[in-house]
């Protein structure tokens, strides 16, 4: 997913990022002290993860190496899945769990 845009604060921390894939977009950002941010909790505050996205990537091995270099904790290592594709699961520096892989179920139909 290419990074389309991002905003950083005075300390260089990302405050908003837009990831695009085709005509879709996911917007990400850390918790903040505004009205919207006060509605949310980090996984550690919520007693565990509250979402688990799977993101389709072209090359899971390269993606995994980049994620690890950027500070992600690899929870489930790269492997070829029985249902097709290759992928891994990680925890980002803020504690969120993500799965990335090459399994595209729409192409199997």
N, C-alpha and C. Protein backbone atom coordinates (compact mmCIF):
# COMPACT_ATOMS: atom_id res chain seq x y z
N UNK A 1 0.84 -1.17 0.00
CA UNK A 1 0.00 0.00 0.00
C UNK A 1 0.89 1.23 0.00
N UNK A 2 0.83 2.03 -1.02
CA UNK A 2 1.65 3.25 -1.02
C UNK A 2 1.13 4.29 -0.04
N UNK A 3 2.06 5.02 0.56
CA UNK A 3 1.71 6.13 1.42
C UNK A 3 1.34 7.31 0.53
N UNK A 4 0.10 7.76 0.62
CA UNK A 4 -0.36 8.87 -0.21
C UNK A 4 -0.01 10.21 0.41
N UNK A 5 -0.23 10.35 1.70
CA UNK A 5 0.00 11.62 2.37
C UNK A 5 0.20 11.35 3.85
N UNK A 6 0.88 12.27 4.53
CA UNK A 6 1.02 12.16 5.98
C UNK A 6 1.24 13.55 6.57
N UNK A 7 0.82 13.71 7.80
CA UNK A 7 1.04 14.94 8.55
C UNK A 7 1.84 14.59 9.78
N UNK A 8 2.83 15.40 10.10
CA UNK A 8 3.65 15.16 11.28
C UNK A 8 3.55 16.34 12.23
N UNK A 9 3.76 16.07 13.53
CA UNK A 9 3.75 17.16 14.51
C UNK A 9 5.14 17.79 14.59
N UNK A 10 5.30 18.74 15.50
CA UNK A 10 6.57 19.48 15.60
C UNK A 10 7.74 18.58 16.00
N UNK A 11 7.44 17.41 16.60
CA UNK A 11 8.49 16.47 16.99
C UNK A 11 8.75 15.40 15.93
N UNK A 12 8.07 15.51 14.78
CA UNK A 12 8.27 14.56 13.69
C UNK A 12 7.45 13.29 13.78
N UNK A 13 6.51 13.21 14.74
CA UNK A 13 5.66 12.03 14.87
C UNK A 13 4.49 12.13 13.89
N UNK A 14 4.19 11.03 13.22
CA UNK A 14 3.08 11.01 12.27
C UNK A 14 1.77 11.19 13.04
N UNK A 15 0.95 12.12 12.61
CA UNK A 15 -0.35 12.38 13.22
C UNK A 15 -1.50 11.90 12.35
N UNK A 16 -1.22 11.70 11.07
CA UNK A 16 -2.25 11.24 10.13
C UNK A 16 -1.54 10.70 8.91
N UNK A 17 -1.93 9.52 8.45
CA UNK A 17 -1.35 8.94 7.24
C UNK A 17 -2.47 8.37 6.39
N UNK A 18 -2.33 8.48 5.09
CA UNK A 18 -3.29 7.93 4.14
C UNK A 18 -2.58 6.89 3.29
N UNK A 19 -3.07 5.65 3.35
CA UNK A 19 -2.53 4.56 2.55
C UNK A 19 -3.53 4.26 1.45
N UNK A 20 -3.06 4.16 0.22
CA UNK A 20 -3.97 3.90 -0.89
C UNK A 20 -3.64 2.58 -1.56
N UNK A 21 -4.68 1.95 -2.11
CA UNK A 21 -4.54 0.74 -2.90
C UNK A 21 -5.66 0.77 -3.92
N UNK A 22 -5.33 0.89 -5.20
CA UNK A 22 -6.36 1.04 -6.22
C UNK A 22 -7.17 2.28 -5.93
N UNK A 23 -8.50 2.14 -5.89
CA UNK A 23 -9.33 3.31 -5.58
C UNK A 23 -9.76 3.33 -4.11
N UNK A 24 -9.11 2.51 -3.28
CA UNK A 24 -9.42 2.49 -1.86
C UNK A 24 -8.36 3.21 -1.04
N UNK A 25 -8.74 3.61 0.17
CA UNK A 25 -7.82 4.31 1.04
C UNK A 25 -8.12 3.94 2.49
N UNK A 26 -7.06 3.81 3.29
CA UNK A 26 -7.16 3.62 4.73
C UNK A 26 -6.46 4.80 5.36
N UNK A 27 -7.11 5.45 6.32
CA UNK A 27 -6.49 6.56 7.05
C UNK A 27 -6.12 6.06 8.44
N UNK A 28 -4.91 6.38 8.88
CA UNK A 28 -4.39 5.94 10.16
C UNK A 28 -3.91 7.12 10.97
N UNK A 29 -3.94 6.99 12.27
CA UNK A 29 -3.39 8.02 13.14
C UNK A 29 -3.32 7.53 14.57
N UNK A 30 -2.46 8.13 15.37
CA UNK A 30 -2.34 7.74 16.77
C UNK A 30 -3.48 8.33 17.59
N UNK A 31 -3.61 7.86 18.82
CA UNK A 31 -4.58 8.47 19.72
C UNK A 31 -4.18 9.91 19.99
N UNK A 32 -5.17 10.73 20.22
CA UNK A 32 -4.89 12.13 20.53
C UNK A 32 -5.86 12.59 21.61
N UNK A 33 -5.65 13.77 22.12
CA UNK A 33 -6.47 14.31 23.20
C UNK A 33 -7.65 15.12 22.68
N UNK A 34 -8.07 14.88 21.44
CA UNK A 34 -9.25 15.59 20.93
C UNK A 34 -10.50 14.75 21.21
N UNK A 35 -11.67 15.25 20.81
CA UNK A 35 -12.93 14.57 21.11
C UNK A 35 -12.97 13.16 20.52
N UNK A 36 -12.49 13.00 19.28
CA UNK A 36 -12.49 11.68 18.65
C UNK A 36 -11.50 10.75 19.36
N UNK A 37 -10.31 11.23 19.63
CA UNK A 37 -9.29 10.42 20.27
C UNK A 37 -9.71 9.91 21.63
N UNK A 38 -10.53 10.67 22.34
CA UNK A 38 -10.99 10.25 23.66
C UNK A 38 -11.99 9.09 23.60
N UNK A 39 -12.49 8.77 22.40
CA UNK A 39 -13.40 7.64 22.22
C UNK A 39 -12.63 6.32 22.09
N UNK A 40 -11.35 6.39 21.81
CA UNK A 40 -10.54 5.22 21.48
C UNK A 40 -9.62 4.81 22.62
N UNK A 41 -9.16 3.56 22.58
CA UNK A 41 -8.22 3.04 23.56
C UNK A 41 -7.15 2.23 22.82
N UNK A 42 -5.95 2.24 23.37
CA UNK A 42 -4.89 1.38 22.87
C UNK A 42 -5.24 -0.05 23.25
N UNK A 43 -4.74 -1.05 22.50
CA UNK A 43 -5.04 -2.45 22.85
C UNK A 43 -4.70 -2.79 24.30
N UNK A 44 -3.61 -2.26 24.82
CA UNK A 44 -3.25 -2.56 26.21
C UNK A 44 -4.26 -2.00 27.20
N UNK A 45 -4.91 -0.90 26.86
CA UNK A 45 -5.93 -0.30 27.73
C UNK A 45 -7.28 -1.01 27.59
N UNK A 46 -7.51 -1.63 26.44
CA UNK A 46 -8.79 -2.31 26.17
C UNK A 46 -8.77 -3.77 26.61
N UNK A 47 -7.64 -4.24 27.10
CA UNK A 47 -7.55 -5.63 27.53
C UNK A 47 -7.20 -6.58 26.41
N UNK A 48 -6.78 -6.08 25.27
CA UNK A 48 -6.41 -6.90 24.12
C UNK A 48 -6.79 -6.21 22.83
N UNK A 49 -6.51 -6.85 21.73
CA UNK A 49 -6.75 -6.26 20.42
C UNK A 49 -8.24 -6.13 20.15
N UNK A 50 -8.62 -5.09 19.43
CA UNK A 50 -10.02 -4.84 19.12
C UNK A 50 -10.30 -4.91 17.62
N UNK A 51 -9.29 -5.15 16.83
CA UNK A 51 -9.44 -5.29 15.38
C UNK A 51 -8.29 -6.15 14.88
N UNK A 52 -8.43 -6.70 13.68
CA UNK A 52 -7.36 -7.53 13.14
C UNK A 52 -7.39 -7.48 11.61
N UNK A 53 -6.92 -6.40 11.02
CA UNK A 53 -6.97 -6.31 9.56
C UNK A 53 -5.96 -7.23 8.87
N UNK A 54 -6.36 -7.72 7.71
CA UNK A 54 -5.47 -8.45 6.81
C UNK A 54 -5.28 -7.55 5.61
N UNK A 55 -4.03 -7.23 5.30
CA UNK A 55 -3.72 -6.34 4.20
C UNK A 55 -3.00 -7.12 3.11
N UNK A 56 -3.52 -7.06 1.91
CA UNK A 56 -2.94 -7.73 0.76
C UNK A 56 -1.70 -6.98 0.30
N UNK A 57 -0.58 -7.71 0.16
CA UNK A 57 0.68 -7.12 -0.33
C UNK A 57 1.20 -7.99 -1.47
N UNK A 58 1.99 -7.40 -2.35
CA UNK A 58 2.52 -8.12 -3.50
C UNK A 58 3.65 -9.08 -3.10
N UNK A 59 4.48 -8.69 -2.13
CA UNK A 59 5.64 -9.48 -1.75
C UNK A 59 5.73 -9.51 -0.22
N UNK A 60 5.24 -10.58 0.38
CA UNK A 60 5.18 -10.66 1.84
C UNK A 60 6.57 -10.69 2.48
N UNK A 61 7.54 -11.30 1.83
CA UNK A 61 8.89 -11.37 2.40
C UNK A 61 9.51 -9.99 2.52
N UNK A 62 9.44 -9.21 1.45
CA UNK A 62 9.99 -7.86 1.46
C UNK A 62 9.24 -6.98 2.45
N UNK A 63 7.92 -7.11 2.47
CA UNK A 63 7.09 -6.32 3.38
C UNK A 63 7.44 -6.63 4.82
N UNK A 64 7.60 -7.90 5.15
CA UNK A 64 7.93 -8.32 6.51
C UNK A 64 9.28 -7.74 6.94
N UNK A 65 10.26 -7.78 6.06
CA UNK A 65 11.57 -7.23 6.38
C UNK A 65 11.49 -5.73 6.66
N UNK A 66 10.71 -5.01 5.86
CA UNK A 66 10.54 -3.57 6.07
C UNK A 66 9.81 -3.28 7.38
N UNK A 67 8.77 -4.07 7.68
CA UNK A 67 8.02 -3.88 8.92
C UNK A 67 8.92 -4.11 10.14
N UNK A 68 9.69 -5.17 10.09
CA UNK A 68 10.60 -5.47 11.20
C UNK A 68 11.63 -4.36 11.38
N UNK A 69 12.18 -3.87 10.29
CA UNK A 69 13.17 -2.78 10.35
C UNK A 69 12.55 -1.50 10.90
N UNK A 70 11.24 -1.32 10.71
CA UNK A 70 10.55 -0.13 11.19
C UNK A 70 10.07 -0.26 12.63
N UNK A 71 10.33 -1.41 13.28
CA UNK A 71 9.98 -1.56 14.68
C UNK A 71 8.83 -2.49 14.98
N UNK A 72 8.26 -3.15 13.96
CA UNK A 72 7.17 -4.08 14.22
C UNK A 72 7.70 -5.35 14.89
N UNK A 73 6.91 -5.90 15.78
CA UNK A 73 7.24 -7.18 16.43
C UNK A 73 6.55 -8.28 15.64
N UNK A 74 7.31 -9.21 15.10
CA UNK A 74 6.73 -10.29 14.31
C UNK A 74 6.15 -11.32 15.28
N UNK A 75 4.83 -11.51 15.23
CA UNK A 75 4.13 -12.43 16.13
C UNK A 75 3.99 -13.82 15.53
N UNK A 76 3.65 -13.89 14.26
CA UNK A 76 3.56 -15.15 13.52
C UNK A 76 4.46 -15.00 12.30
N UNK A 77 5.50 -15.82 12.19
CA UNK A 77 6.48 -15.62 11.12
C UNK A 77 5.91 -15.92 9.74
N UNK A 78 6.64 -15.45 8.74
CA UNK A 78 6.27 -15.72 7.35
C UNK A 78 6.08 -17.21 7.12
N UNK A 79 5.01 -17.54 6.40
CA UNK A 79 4.81 -18.94 6.03
C UNK A 79 3.84 -19.01 4.86
N UNK A 80 3.93 -20.11 4.13
CA UNK A 80 2.99 -20.40 3.06
C UNK A 80 1.76 -21.00 3.72
N UNK A 81 0.59 -20.42 3.42
CA UNK A 81 -0.65 -20.85 4.06
C UNK A 81 -1.31 -21.99 3.28
N UNK A 82 -2.01 -22.88 3.97
CA UNK A 82 -2.73 -23.98 3.33
C UNK A 82 -3.81 -23.47 2.39
N UNK A 83 -4.41 -22.33 2.72
CA UNK A 83 -5.50 -21.76 1.92
C UNK A 83 -4.98 -20.91 0.77
N UNK A 84 -3.68 -20.82 0.63
CA UNK A 84 -3.08 -20.05 -0.46
C UNK A 84 -2.42 -18.79 0.04
N UNK A 85 -1.41 -18.36 -0.66
CA UNK A 85 -0.72 -17.14 -0.29
C UNK A 85 0.37 -17.37 0.73
N UNK A 86 1.08 -16.32 1.01
CA UNK A 86 2.18 -16.32 1.98
C UNK A 86 2.01 -15.07 2.83
N UNK A 87 2.20 -15.19 4.14
CA UNK A 87 1.99 -14.03 4.97
C UNK A 87 2.58 -14.15 6.35
N UNK A 88 2.35 -13.11 7.15
CA UNK A 88 2.85 -13.04 8.52
C UNK A 88 1.93 -12.11 9.32
N UNK A 89 2.10 -12.13 10.64
CA UNK A 89 1.34 -11.27 11.53
C UNK A 89 2.32 -10.54 12.44
N UNK A 90 2.05 -9.24 12.66
CA UNK A 90 2.95 -8.45 13.50
C UNK A 90 2.16 -7.52 14.41
N UNK A 91 2.88 -6.95 15.37
CA UNK A 91 2.33 -5.93 16.25
C UNK A 91 3.09 -4.65 15.96
N UNK A 92 2.37 -3.56 15.67
CA UNK A 92 3.04 -2.29 15.38
C UNK A 92 3.53 -1.64 16.68
N UNK A 93 4.33 -0.59 16.59
CA UNK A 93 4.87 0.04 17.81
C UNK A 93 3.82 0.57 18.78
N UNK A 94 2.59 0.80 18.33
CA UNK A 94 1.53 1.25 19.23
C UNK A 94 0.73 0.09 19.81
N UNK A 95 1.06 -1.15 19.43
CA UNK A 95 0.42 -2.32 20.01
C UNK A 95 -0.66 -2.97 19.18
N UNK A 96 -0.93 -2.47 17.98
CA UNK A 96 -1.98 -3.04 17.13
C UNK A 96 -1.46 -4.24 16.35
N UNK A 97 -2.32 -5.26 16.19
CA UNK A 97 -1.97 -6.47 15.46
C UNK A 97 -2.45 -6.35 14.02
N UNK A 98 -1.56 -6.69 13.09
CA UNK A 98 -1.84 -6.64 11.65
C UNK A 98 -1.38 -7.95 11.02
N UNK A 99 -2.11 -8.40 10.00
CA UNK A 99 -1.65 -9.51 9.17
C UNK A 99 -1.46 -8.99 7.76
N UNK A 100 -0.37 -9.40 7.14
CA UNK A 100 -0.05 -9.01 5.77
C UNK A 100 0.24 -10.28 4.98
N UNK A 101 -0.26 -10.33 3.76
CA UNK A 101 0.00 -11.51 2.95
C UNK A 101 -0.43 -11.35 1.52
N UNK A 102 -0.19 -12.43 0.77
CA UNK A 102 -0.46 -12.42 -0.67
C UNK A 102 -1.74 -13.14 -1.05
N UNK A 103 -2.51 -13.64 -0.07
CA UNK A 103 -3.74 -14.36 -0.37
C UNK A 103 -4.83 -13.38 -0.81
N UNK A 104 -5.21 -13.48 -2.06
CA UNK A 104 -6.26 -12.63 -2.61
C UNK A 104 -7.46 -13.51 -2.95
N UNK A 105 -8.42 -13.58 -2.04
CA UNK A 105 -9.57 -14.46 -2.23
C UNK A 105 -10.43 -14.05 -3.41
N UNK A 106 -10.42 -12.77 -3.79
CA UNK A 106 -11.21 -12.35 -4.94
C UNK A 106 -10.68 -12.97 -6.23
N UNK A 107 -9.40 -13.21 -6.31
CA UNK A 107 -8.82 -13.82 -7.51
C UNK A 107 -9.09 -15.30 -7.58
N UNK A 108 -9.41 -15.93 -6.44
CA UNK A 108 -9.67 -17.37 -6.43
C UNK A 108 -11.07 -17.68 -6.91
N UNK A 109 -11.96 -16.71 -6.87
CA UNK A 109 -13.37 -16.96 -7.23
C UNK A 109 -13.53 -17.20 -8.71
